[in-house]
Amino acid sequence: WHLVATYDRGSVRVFVDGELQFEEELPEADLSGWSRDYPLLIGNEATRDRPLQGEVYLVAVYNRALRADEVAQNYVAGI
């Protein structure tokens, strides 16, 4: 699967294989208490006792929410 989740000003959108599957408005997140010391974890917990049963081929983190056409373009491009 090509899975993309975006968050922008309270709007959460989830795309699977380039198609929007879910969209919801949530209160804006307050990240003022976020510490740069918090690790970014993908595929397991920090305790390393809940591993993902599968493979992760690529992870990308952007400084903005991708538009739907950008998500679709990335899906078509493949790995």
C-alpha atoms as a PDB file:
ATOM      1  CA  TRP A   1       0.000   0.000   0.000  1.00  0.00           C
ATOM      2  CA  HIS A   2       0.955   3.593  -0.547  1.00  0.00           C
ATOM      3  CA  LEU A   3      -0.265   5.287   2.630  1.00  0.00           C
ATOM      4  CA  VAL A   4      -0.232   9.057   3.141  1.00  0.00           C
ATOM      5  CA  ALA A   5      -1.573  10.958   6.140  1.00  0.00           C
ATOM      6  CA  THR A   6      -1.657  14.750   6.187  1.00  0.00           C
ATOM      7  CA  TYR A   7      -2.506  17.259   8.893  1.00  0.00           C
ATOM      8  CA  ASP A   8      -3.027  20.959   8.243  1.00  0.00           C
ATOM      9  CA  ARG A   9      -4.745  23.438  10.576  1.00  0.00           C
ATOM     10  CA  GLY A  10      -7.038  20.810  12.066  1.00  0.00           C
ATOM     11  CA  SER A  11      -7.767  18.935   8.847  1.00  0.00           C
ATOM     12  CA  VAL A  12      -6.674  15.294   8.781  1.00  0.00           C
ATOM     13  CA  ARG A  13      -6.678  13.439   5.470  1.00  0.00           C
ATOM     14  CA  VAL A  14      -5.675   9.832   4.772  1.00  0.00           C
ATOM     15  CA  PHE A  15      -4.927   8.544   1.276  1.00  0.00           C
ATOM     16  CA  VAL A  16      -4.456   4.913   0.229  1.00  0.00           C
ATOM     17  CA  ASP A  17      -2.921   4.197  -3.161  1.00  0.00           C
ATOM     18  CA  GLY A  18      -3.404   7.823  -4.213  1.00  0.00           C
ATOM     19  CA  GLU A  19      -7.113   8.022  -3.309  1.00  0.00           C
ATOM     20  CA  LEU A  20      -8.602   9.998  -0.417  1.00  0.00           C
ATOM     21  CA  GLN A  21     -10.136   7.504   2.039  1.00  0.00           C
ATOM     22  CA  PHE A  22     -10.766   9.615   5.132  1.00  0.00           C
ATOM     23  CA  GLU A  23     -11.054  13.274   6.031  1.00  0.00           C
ATOM     24  CA  GLU A  24     -11.952  14.832   9.366  1.00  0.00           C
ATOM     25  CA  GLU A  25     -11.702  18.199  11.044  1.00  0.00           C
ATOM     26  CA  LEU A  26     -10.058  18.105  14.482  1.00  0.00           C
ATOM     27  CA  PRO A  27      -9.026  20.817  16.897  1.00  0.00           C
ATOM     28  CA  GLU A  28      -5.680  22.313  15.976  1.00  0.00           C
ATOM     29  CA  ALA A  29      -2.817  20.528  17.702  1.00  0.00           C
ATOM     30  CA  ASP A  30      -0.862  22.408  20.343  1.00  0.00           C
ATOM     31  CA  LEU A  31       2.733  21.322  19.839  1.00  0.00           C
ATOM     32  CA  SER A  32       4.230  23.940  22.152  1.00  0.00           C
ATOM     33  CA  GLY A  33       5.244  21.219  24.598  1.00  0.00           C
ATOM     34  CA  TRP A  34       6.937  19.097  21.917  1.00  0.00           C
ATOM     35  CA  SER A  35      10.552  18.283  22.635  1.00  0.00           C
ATOM     36  CA  ARG A  36      13.132  17.763  19.906  1.00  0.00           C
ATOM     37  CA  ASP A  37      14.360  14.889  22.099  1.00  0.00           C
ATOM     38  CA  TYR A  38      11.261  12.811  21.252  1.00  0.00           C
ATOM     39  CA  PRO A  39      12.206  10.172  18.680  1.00  0.00           C
ATOM     40  CA  LEU A  40      10.276   9.568  15.477  1.00  0.00           C
ATOM     41  CA  LEU A  41       9.278   5.904  15.649  1.00  0.00           C
ATOM     42  CA  ILE A  42       8.035   3.943  12.661  1.00  0.00           C
ATOM     43  CA  GLY A  43       7.331   0.234  12.779  1.00  0.00           C
ATOM     44  CA  ASN A  44       7.660  -0.310  16.532  1.00  0.00           C
ATOM     45  CA  GLU A  45       7.263   1.222  19.980  1.00  0.00           C
ATOM     46  CA  ALA A  46      10.199   2.768  21.839  1.00  0.00           C
ATOM     47  CA  THR A  47      10.160  -0.351  24.009  1.00  0.00           C
ATOM     48  CA  ARG A  48      10.746  -2.407  20.835  1.00  0.00           C
ATOM     49  CA  ASP A  49       8.088  -4.926  21.909  1.00  0.00           C
ATOM     50  CA  ARG A  50       5.453  -4.277  19.189  1.00  0.00           C
ATOM     51  CA  PRO A  51       7.181  -4.719  15.828  1.00  0.00           C
ATOM     52  CA  LEU A  52       5.366  -4.116  12.555  1.00  0.00           C
ATOM     53  CA  GLN A  53       4.482  -7.359  10.807  1.00  0.00           C
ATOM     54  CA  GLY A  54       5.531  -6.234   7.345  1.00  0.00           C
ATOM     55  CA  GLU A  55       8.024  -4.030   5.576  1.00  0.00           C
ATOM     56  CA  VAL A  56       8.464  -0.285   5.229  1.00  0.00           C
ATOM     57  CA  TYR A  57      10.027   0.696   1.892  1.00  0.00           C
ATOM     58  CA  LEU A  58      10.086   4.461   2.130  1.00  0.00           C
ATOM     59  CA  VAL A  59       9.197   7.155   4.638  1.00  0.00           C
ATOM     60  CA  ALA A  60       9.018  10.856   3.827  1.00  0.00           C
ATOM     61  CA  VAL A  61       8.224  13.712   6.203  1.00  0.00           C
ATOM     62  CA  TYR A  62       7.284  17.062   4.703  1.00  0.00           C
ATOM     63  CA  ASN A  63       7.064  20.493   6.317  1.00  0.00           C
ATOM     64  CA  ARG A  64       3.548  20.959   4.887  1.00  0.00           C
ATOM     65  CA  ALA A  65       0.511  18.893   3.968  1.00  0.00           C
ATOM     66  CA  LEU A  66       0.645  17.496   0.451  1.00  0.00           C
ATOM     67  CA  ARG A  67      -2.215  18.343  -1.897  1.00  0.00           C
ATOM     68  CA  ALA A  68      -4.308  15.497  -3.336  1.00  0.00           C
ATOM     69  CA  ASP A  69      -2.660  15.851  -6.768  1.00  0.00           C
ATOM     70  CA  GLU A  70       0.802  15.587  -5.192  1.00  0.00           C
ATOM     71  CA  VAL A  71      -0.202  12.430  -3.323  1.00  0.00           C
ATOM     72  CA  ALA A  72      -1.545  10.916  -6.547  1.00  0.00           C
ATOM     73  CA  GLN A  73       1.629  11.909  -8.440  1.00  0.00           C
ATOM     74  CA  ASN A  74       3.827  10.236  -5.815  1.00  0.00           C
ATOM     75  CA  TYR A  75       1.715   7.075  -5.959  1.00  0.00           C
ATOM     76  CA  VAL A  76       1.964   6.884  -9.756  1.00  0.00           C
ATOM     77  CA  ALA A  77       5.750   7.400  -9.577  1.00  0.00           C
ATOM     78  CA  GLY A  78       6.092   4.189  -7.511  1.00  0.00           C
ATOM     79  CA  ILE A  79       9.046   3.178  -5.400  1.00  0.00           C
END
